[in-house]
Amino acid sequence: MSRADWVSSALDRDLSEVERVLVEVVCDAARCGPWDLSGWRTRLRPCGFGARFSIGGRDLATFDSDGLTRLVFSAHDHCARVSINSAGFGGIAIEVHLRKGRDHTERWDRHPTLEVAVARWRKSHDGGAPERFRGGEP
């Protein structure tokens, strides 16, 4: 059973395509299964053409607790625009809007792969990290 199937079963309803992607992205970022996150019934909401899940108390960082990095990687893999917004005191909301593919002509319809995004970053930032930080794994 997939993570989205588990949420669908717990909510006793079918999930939309964007809700299914949201479940995957949130679980990827949190390094857990949906059963480890409470509140699917009350925190999973539509958001325009997308979906939103409010989550509190999670550390979204880039390395030692790498939830933010995992969130970005998952978004690129799922061809989805992900944004992080306020969800009240001490909480954040993760919003997902699906894109139509990799090569659409309209900017709001496409989403690059992670590899393309990194290549664009490197090209526009003279190769990436400052010289003193280039090298192997930390």
N, C-alpha and C. Protein backbone atom coordinates (compact mmCIF):
# COMPACT_ATOMS: atom_id res chain seq x y z
N MET A 1 0.85 -1.18 0.00
CA MET A 1 0.00 0.00 0.00
C MET A 1 0.90 1.24 0.00
N SER A 2 0.64 2.17 -0.91
CA SER A 2 1.43 3.40 -0.98
C SER A 2 1.04 4.33 0.18
N ARG A 3 1.85 5.33 0.38
CA ARG A 3 1.55 6.31 1.45
C ARG A 3 0.25 7.03 1.14
N ALA A 4 0.03 7.39 -0.12
CA ALA A 4 -1.22 8.07 -0.50
C ALA A 4 -2.42 7.14 -0.32
N ASP A 5 -2.24 5.87 -0.63
CA ASP A 5 -3.33 4.90 -0.42
C ASP A 5 -3.68 4.80 1.06
N TRP A 6 -2.67 4.87 1.92
CA TRP A 6 -2.92 4.79 3.36
C TRP A 6 -3.77 5.98 3.81
N VAL A 7 -3.42 7.20 3.34
CA VAL A 7 -4.19 8.39 3.70
C VAL A 7 -5.60 8.29 3.14
N SER A 8 -5.73 7.83 1.90
CA SER A 8 -7.04 7.65 1.29
C SER A 8 -7.91 6.72 2.13
N SER A 9 -7.32 5.63 2.58
CA SER A 9 -8.05 4.68 3.41
C SER A 9 -8.42 5.29 4.76
N ALA A 10 -7.49 6.03 5.36
CA ALA A 10 -7.75 6.66 6.66
C ALA A 10 -8.85 7.71 6.56
N LEU A 11 -8.91 8.41 5.43
CA LEU A 11 -9.93 9.45 5.24
C LEU A 11 -11.23 8.89 4.67
N ASP A 12 -11.19 7.63 4.23
CA ASP A 12 -12.34 6.97 3.63
C ASP A 12 -12.86 7.73 2.41
N ARG A 13 -11.91 8.18 1.58
CA ARG A 13 -12.26 8.85 0.32
C ARG A 13 -11.08 8.77 -0.63
N ASP A 14 -11.38 8.94 -1.91
CA ASP A 14 -10.31 8.97 -2.90
C ASP A 14 -9.59 10.31 -2.83
N LEU A 15 -8.28 10.29 -3.02
CA LEU A 15 -7.50 11.51 -3.07
C LEU A 15 -7.36 11.96 -4.51
N SER A 16 -7.31 13.27 -4.71
CA SER A 16 -7.04 13.80 -6.04
C SER A 16 -5.57 13.55 -6.37
N GLU A 17 -5.21 13.73 -7.62
CA GLU A 17 -3.81 13.53 -8.03
C GLU A 17 -2.88 14.46 -7.26
N VAL A 18 -3.27 15.72 -7.10
CA VAL A 18 -2.41 16.67 -6.39
C VAL A 18 -2.33 16.32 -4.90
N GLU A 19 -3.39 15.81 -4.30
CA GLU A 19 -3.33 15.37 -2.91
C GLU A 19 -2.39 14.18 -2.75
N ARG A 20 -2.40 13.27 -3.71
CA ARG A 20 -1.52 12.11 -3.66
C ARG A 20 -0.05 12.56 -3.71
N VAL A 21 0.25 13.51 -4.57
CA VAL A 21 1.62 14.03 -4.66
C VAL A 21 1.99 14.75 -3.37
N LEU A 22 1.07 15.52 -2.82
CA LEU A 22 1.32 16.22 -1.56
C LEU A 22 1.69 15.24 -0.45
N VAL A 23 0.98 14.14 -0.34
CA VAL A 23 1.29 13.13 0.67
C VAL A 23 2.73 12.64 0.48
N GLU A 24 3.11 12.33 -0.75
CA GLU A 24 4.46 11.84 -1.02
C GLU A 24 5.52 12.89 -0.66
N VAL A 25 5.29 14.14 -1.06
CA VAL A 25 6.26 15.20 -0.81
C VAL A 25 6.41 15.47 0.68
N VAL A 26 5.30 15.55 1.39
CA VAL A 26 5.35 15.80 2.84
C VAL A 26 6.06 14.64 3.56
N CYS A 27 5.73 13.43 3.20
CA CYS A 27 6.37 12.27 3.84
C CYS A 27 7.85 12.18 3.49
N ASP A 28 8.21 12.52 2.25
CA ASP A 28 9.63 12.56 1.88
C ASP A 28 10.38 13.57 2.73
N ALA A 29 9.81 14.77 2.88
CA ALA A 29 10.47 15.83 3.66
C ALA A 29 10.60 15.44 5.13
N ALA A 30 9.57 14.81 5.67
CA ALA A 30 9.55 14.47 7.09
C ALA A 30 10.24 13.14 7.40
N ARG A 31 10.66 12.42 6.36
CA ARG A 31 11.29 11.10 6.53
C ARG A 31 10.41 10.16 7.34
N CYS A 32 9.16 10.08 6.95
CA CYS A 32 8.24 9.23 7.71
C CYS A 32 7.09 8.77 6.82
N GLY A 33 6.29 7.92 7.36
CA GLY A 33 5.07 7.51 6.69
C GLY A 33 3.93 8.41 7.12
N PRO A 34 2.83 8.39 6.42
CA PRO A 34 1.70 9.26 6.77
C PRO A 34 1.12 8.93 8.13
N TRP A 35 1.27 7.70 8.58
CA TRP A 35 0.77 7.27 9.89
C TRP A 35 1.53 7.95 11.02
N ASP A 36 2.71 8.53 10.71
CA ASP A 36 3.50 9.24 11.72
C ASP A 36 3.09 10.71 11.85
N LEU A 37 2.25 11.18 10.95
CA LEU A 37 1.80 12.57 10.97
C LEU A 37 0.31 12.61 11.29
N SER A 38 -0.06 13.34 12.30
CA SER A 38 -1.47 13.40 12.66
C SER A 38 -2.17 14.52 11.90
N GLY A 39 -3.47 14.42 11.82
CA GLY A 39 -4.27 15.52 11.30
C GLY A 39 -4.61 15.51 9.83
N TRP A 40 -4.47 14.39 9.15
CA TRP A 40 -4.78 14.37 7.72
C TRP A 40 -6.22 14.83 7.47
N ARG A 41 -7.14 14.43 8.35
CA ARG A 41 -8.55 14.76 8.15
C ARG A 41 -8.79 16.27 8.24
N THR A 42 -8.08 16.96 9.12
CA THR A 42 -8.32 18.38 9.33
C THR A 42 -7.28 19.28 8.67
N ARG A 43 -6.11 18.77 8.38
CA ARG A 43 -5.03 19.61 7.85
C ARG A 43 -4.82 19.50 6.35
N LEU A 44 -5.39 18.51 5.70
CA LEU A 44 -5.27 18.35 4.25
C LEU A 44 -6.41 19.14 3.62
N ARG A 45 -6.07 20.18 2.88
CA ARG A 45 -7.07 21.09 2.33
C ARG A 45 -6.78 21.42 0.87
N PRO A 46 -7.83 21.73 0.10
CA PRO A 46 -7.59 22.26 -1.24
C PRO A 46 -6.99 23.65 -1.13
N CYS A 47 -6.27 24.04 -2.16
CA CYS A 47 -5.62 25.35 -2.18
C CYS A 47 -5.57 25.81 -3.64
N GLY A 48 -6.59 26.52 -4.09
CA GLY A 48 -6.67 26.87 -5.50
C GLY A 48 -6.75 25.60 -6.33
N PHE A 49 -5.82 25.44 -7.26
CA PHE A 49 -5.75 24.21 -8.06
C PHE A 49 -4.82 23.18 -7.43
N GLY A 50 -4.34 23.47 -6.23
CA GLY A 50 -3.40 22.59 -5.56
C GLY A 50 -3.98 22.03 -4.27
N ALA A 51 -3.08 21.65 -3.38
CA ALA A 51 -3.46 21.10 -2.08
C ALA A 51 -2.47 21.59 -1.05
N ARG A 52 -2.92 21.59 0.22
CA ARG A 52 -2.13 22.15 1.30
C ARG A 52 -2.23 21.23 2.52
N PHE A 53 -1.11 21.07 3.22
CA PHE A 53 -1.11 20.32 4.47
C PHE A 53 -0.36 21.14 5.51
N SER A 54 -1.03 21.41 6.62
CA SER A 54 -0.41 22.17 7.71
C SER A 54 0.36 21.21 8.60
N ILE A 55 1.56 21.61 8.91
CA ILE A 55 2.45 20.75 9.69
C ILE A 55 3.17 21.62 10.71
N GLY A 56 3.28 21.16 11.91
CA GLY A 56 3.96 21.94 12.94
C GLY A 56 5.09 21.15 13.56
N GLY A 57 6.05 21.86 14.08
CA GLY A 57 7.12 21.22 14.82
C GLY A 57 8.12 20.43 14.01
N ARG A 58 8.12 20.59 12.70
CA ARG A 58 9.10 19.87 11.86
C ARG A 58 10.24 20.80 11.53
N ASP A 59 11.44 20.27 11.58
CA ASP A 59 12.63 21.04 11.26
C ASP A 59 12.92 20.90 9.77
N LEU A 60 12.80 22.00 9.06
CA LEU A 60 13.14 21.99 7.64
C LEU A 60 14.47 22.72 7.48
N ALA A 61 15.51 21.97 7.28
CA ALA A 61 16.85 22.52 7.13
C ALA A 61 17.49 21.89 5.88
N THR A 62 18.71 22.33 5.59
CA THR A 62 19.35 21.87 4.36
C THR A 62 20.33 20.72 4.53
N PHE A 63 20.82 20.46 5.73
CA PHE A 63 21.79 19.37 5.81
C PHE A 63 21.60 18.48 7.02
N ASP A 64 22.01 18.92 8.20
CA ASP A 64 22.02 18.00 9.35
C ASP A 64 20.63 17.45 9.65
N SER A 65 19.64 18.25 9.49
CA SER A 65 18.26 17.78 9.48
C SER A 65 17.75 18.22 8.12
N ASP A 66 17.79 17.34 7.15
CA ASP A 66 17.70 17.73 5.74
C ASP A 66 16.28 17.74 5.16
N GLY A 67 15.29 18.06 5.97
CA GLY A 67 13.91 18.07 5.50
C GLY A 67 13.66 19.06 4.36
N LEU A 68 14.31 20.22 4.42
CA LEU A 68 14.13 21.20 3.36
C LEU A 68 14.71 20.70 2.04
N THR A 69 15.90 20.14 2.10
CA THR A 69 16.53 19.58 0.90
C THR A 69 15.67 18.46 0.33
N ARG A 70 15.19 17.57 1.20
CA ARG A 70 14.35 16.46 0.75
C ARG A 70 13.04 16.97 0.15
N LEU A 71 12.49 18.06 0.69
CA LEU A 71 11.27 18.67 0.16
C LEU A 71 11.51 19.16 -1.27
N VAL A 72 12.63 19.85 -1.47
CA VAL A 72 12.97 20.38 -2.81
C VAL A 72 13.22 19.24 -3.80
N PHE A 73 13.99 18.24 -3.39
CA PHE A 73 14.27 17.10 -4.28
C PHE A 73 12.97 16.41 -4.68
N SER A 74 12.10 16.17 -3.72
CA SER A 74 10.84 15.49 -4.00
C SER A 74 9.97 16.32 -4.94
N ALA A 75 9.94 17.63 -4.74
CA ALA A 75 9.15 18.50 -5.62
C ALA A 75 9.63 18.38 -7.06
N HIS A 76 10.94 18.42 -7.25
CA HIS A 76 11.48 18.29 -8.61
C HIS A 76 11.17 16.92 -9.20
N ASP A 77 11.29 15.87 -8.41
CA ASP A 77 10.99 14.53 -8.91
C ASP A 77 9.52 14.36 -9.29
N HIS A 78 8.63 15.03 -8.56
CA HIS A 78 7.19 14.91 -8.82
C HIS A 78 6.66 15.98 -9.78
N CYS A 79 7.55 16.81 -10.34
CA CYS A 79 7.14 17.86 -11.28
C CYS A 79 6.07 18.74 -10.65
N ALA A 80 6.36 19.20 -9.43
CA ALA A 80 5.38 19.98 -8.67
C ALA A 80 6.01 21.23 -8.09
N ARG A 81 5.25 22.32 -8.14
CA ARG A 81 5.67 23.54 -7.46
C ARG A 81 5.28 23.39 -6.00
N VAL A 82 6.25 23.56 -5.12
CA VAL A 82 5.99 23.47 -3.68
C VAL A 82 6.32 24.81 -3.06
N SER A 83 5.44 25.27 -2.19
CA SER A 83 5.71 26.50 -1.45
C SER A 83 5.47 26.25 0.03
N ILE A 84 6.14 27.04 0.84
CA ILE A 84 6.02 26.94 2.30
C ILE A 84 5.41 28.25 2.78
N ASN A 85 4.31 28.14 3.52
CA ASN A 85 3.61 29.32 4.00
C ASN A 85 3.29 29.18 5.48
N SER A 86 2.90 30.28 6.06
CA SER A 86 2.50 30.27 7.47
C SER A 86 1.20 29.51 7.65
N ALA A 87 1.11 28.80 8.78
CA ALA A 87 -0.13 28.10 9.13
C ALA A 87 -0.48 28.41 10.58
N GLY A 88 -0.33 29.66 10.94
CA GLY A 88 -0.63 30.05 12.31
C GLY A 88 0.59 29.97 13.20
N PHE A 89 0.38 30.18 14.48
CA PHE A 89 1.47 30.22 15.44
C PHE A 89 2.26 28.91 15.46
N GLY A 90 3.53 29.00 15.11
CA GLY A 90 4.42 27.85 15.20
C GLY A 90 4.22 26.79 14.14
N GLY A 91 3.39 27.04 13.17
CA GLY A 91 3.14 26.03 12.14
C GLY A 91 3.46 26.53 10.75
N ILE A 92 3.64 25.60 9.86
CA ILE A 92 3.84 25.93 8.45
C ILE A 92 2.88 25.09 7.62
N ALA A 93 2.62 25.57 6.43
CA ALA A 93 1.81 24.83 5.49
C ALA A 93 2.66 24.55 4.26
N ILE A 94 2.61 23.32 3.81
CA ILE A 94 3.29 22.94 2.58
C ILE A 94 2.21 22.86 1.50
N GLU A 95 2.38 23.65 0.45
CA GLU A 95 1.41 23.69 -0.64
C GLU A 95 2.04 23.11 -1.90
N VAL A 96 1.24 22.34 -2.63
CA VAL A 96 1.69 21.69 -3.85
C VAL A 96 0.76 22.05 -4.99
N HIS A 97 1.35 22.45 -6.11
CA HIS A 97 0.62 22.68 -7.35
C HIS A 97 1.33 21.90 -8.45
N LEU A 98 0.63 21.00 -9.10
CA LEU A 98 1.24 20.17 -10.13
C LEU A 98 1.51 20.97 -11.39
N ARG A 99 2.56 20.60 -12.07
CA ARG A 99 2.89 21.18 -13.37
C ARG A 99 2.60 20.13 -14.44
N LYS A 100 2.42 20.58 -15.66
CA LYS A 100 2.01 19.68 -16.74
C LYS A 100 3.16 18.83 -17.29
N GLY A 101 4.37 19.27 -17.10
CA GLY A 101 5.49 18.50 -17.60
C GLY A 101 6.78 19.29 -17.55
N ARG A 102 7.78 18.77 -18.22
CA ARG A 102 9.12 19.37 -18.19
C ARG A 102 9.33 20.42 -19.28
N ASP A 103 8.63 20.28 -20.41
CA ASP A 103 8.97 21.09 -21.58
C ASP A 103 7.85 21.99 -22.10
N HIS A 104 6.88 22.31 -21.28
CA HIS A 104 5.79 23.18 -21.75
C HIS A 104 6.31 24.59 -22.00
N THR A 105 5.67 25.28 -22.93
CA THR A 105 6.13 26.62 -23.30
C THR A 105 5.81 27.65 -22.23
N GLU A 106 4.71 27.50 -21.53
CA GLU A 106 4.34 28.46 -20.50
C GLU A 106 5.07 28.15 -19.19
N ARG A 107 5.64 29.15 -18.58
CA ARG A 107 6.44 28.97 -17.37
C ARG A 107 5.65 28.29 -16.25
N TRP A 108 4.40 28.66 -16.09
CA TRP A 108 3.59 28.11 -14.99
C TRP A 108 3.12 26.68 -15.25
N ASP A 109 3.37 26.16 -16.44
CA ASP A 109 2.98 24.79 -16.77
C ASP A 109 4.13 23.80 -16.68
N ARG A 110 5.35 24.28 -16.53
CA ARG A 110 6.50 23.38 -16.56
C ARG A 110 7.25 23.40 -15.24
N HIS A 111 8.08 22.39 -15.07
CA HIS A 111 8.92 22.29 -13.87
C HIS A 111 10.17 21.51 -14.25
N PRO A 112 11.34 22.06 -13.97
CA PRO A 112 12.57 21.38 -14.39
C PRO A 112 12.89 20.18 -13.51
N THR A 113 13.69 19.28 -14.05
CA THR A 113 14.25 18.21 -13.22
C THR A 113 15.23 18.86 -12.25
N LEU A 114 15.61 18.13 -11.24
CA LEU A 114 16.59 18.64 -10.28
C LEU A 114 17.91 18.92 -10.99
N GLU A 115 18.29 18.04 -11.90
CA GLU A 115 19.56 18.18 -12.62
C GLU A 115 19.58 19.46 -13.46
N VAL A 116 18.47 19.77 -14.12
CA VAL A 116 18.39 20.99 -14.93
C VAL A 116 18.43 22.22 -14.03
N ALA A 117 17.73 22.17 -12.91
CA ALA A 117 17.73 23.30 -11.97
C ALA A 117 19.13 23.57 -11.43
N VAL A 118 19.86 22.52 -11.08
CA VAL A 118 21.23 22.68 -10.57
C VAL A 118 22.13 23.24 -11.67
N ALA A 119 22.01 22.74 -12.89
CA ALA A 119 22.84 23.24 -13.99
C ALA A 119 22.58 24.72 -14.23
N ARG A 120 21.32 25.14 -14.19
CA ARG A 120 20.98 26.57 -14.36
C ARG A 120 21.60 27.40 -13.23
N TRP A 121 21.52 26.88 -12.00
CA TRP A 121 22.09 27.58 -10.86
C TRP A 121 23.60 27.75 -11.05
N ARG A 122 24.28 26.67 -11.41
CA ARG A 122 25.73 26.71 -11.58
C ARG A 122 26.11 27.72 -12.68
N LYS A 123 25.36 27.72 -13.76
CA LYS A 123 25.65 28.62 -14.88
C LYS A 123 25.48 30.08 -14.47
N SER A 124 24.44 30.38 -13.71
CA SER A 124 24.18 31.77 -13.33
C SER A 124 24.97 32.23 -12.11
N HIS A 125 25.67 31.32 -11.45
CA HIS A 125 26.44 31.66 -10.26
C HIS A 125 27.92 31.26 -10.39
N ASP A 126 28.44 31.40 -11.59
CA ASP A 126 29.87 31.15 -11.84
C ASP A 126 30.37 29.83 -11.27
N GLY A 127 29.62 28.77 -11.48
CA GLY A 127 30.07 27.45 -11.07
C GLY A 127 29.61 27.01 -9.70
N GLY A 128 28.93 27.86 -8.97
CA GLY A 128 28.37 27.43 -7.70
C GLY A 128 29.06 27.98 -6.48
N ALA A 129 29.48 27.10 -5.60
CA ALA A 129 30.00 27.49 -4.29
C ALA A 129 31.31 28.26 -4.41
N PRO A 130 31.54 29.15 -3.44
CA PRO A 130 32.85 29.83 -3.41
C PRO A 130 33.97 28.79 -3.35
N GLU A 131 35.12 29.16 -3.85
CA GLU A 131 36.27 28.26 -3.96
C GLU A 131 36.58 27.54 -2.66
N ARG A 132 36.52 28.22 -1.54
CA ARG A 132 36.87 27.60 -0.26
C ARG A 132 35.92 26.49 0.17
N PHE A 133 34.74 26.43 -0.44
CA PHE A 133 33.77 25.40 -0.08
C PHE A 133 33.66 24.29 -1.11
N ARG A 134 34.43 24.35 -2.17
CA ARG A 134 34.35 23.31 -3.20
C ARG A 134 35.16 22.10 -2.75
N GLY A 135 34.65 20.94 -3.09
CA GLY A 135 35.38 19.73 -2.73
C GLY A 135 34.44 18.59 -2.43
N GLY A 136 34.89 17.68 -1.61
CA GLY A 136 34.13 16.47 -1.32
C GLY A 136 33.03 16.67 -0.29
N GLU A 137 32.57 15.57 0.20
CA GLU A 137 31.50 15.57 1.20
C GLU A 137 31.98 16.23 2.48
N PRO A 138 31.10 16.95 3.18
CA PRO A 138 31.48 17.57 4.46
C PRO A 138 31.68 16.54 5.55
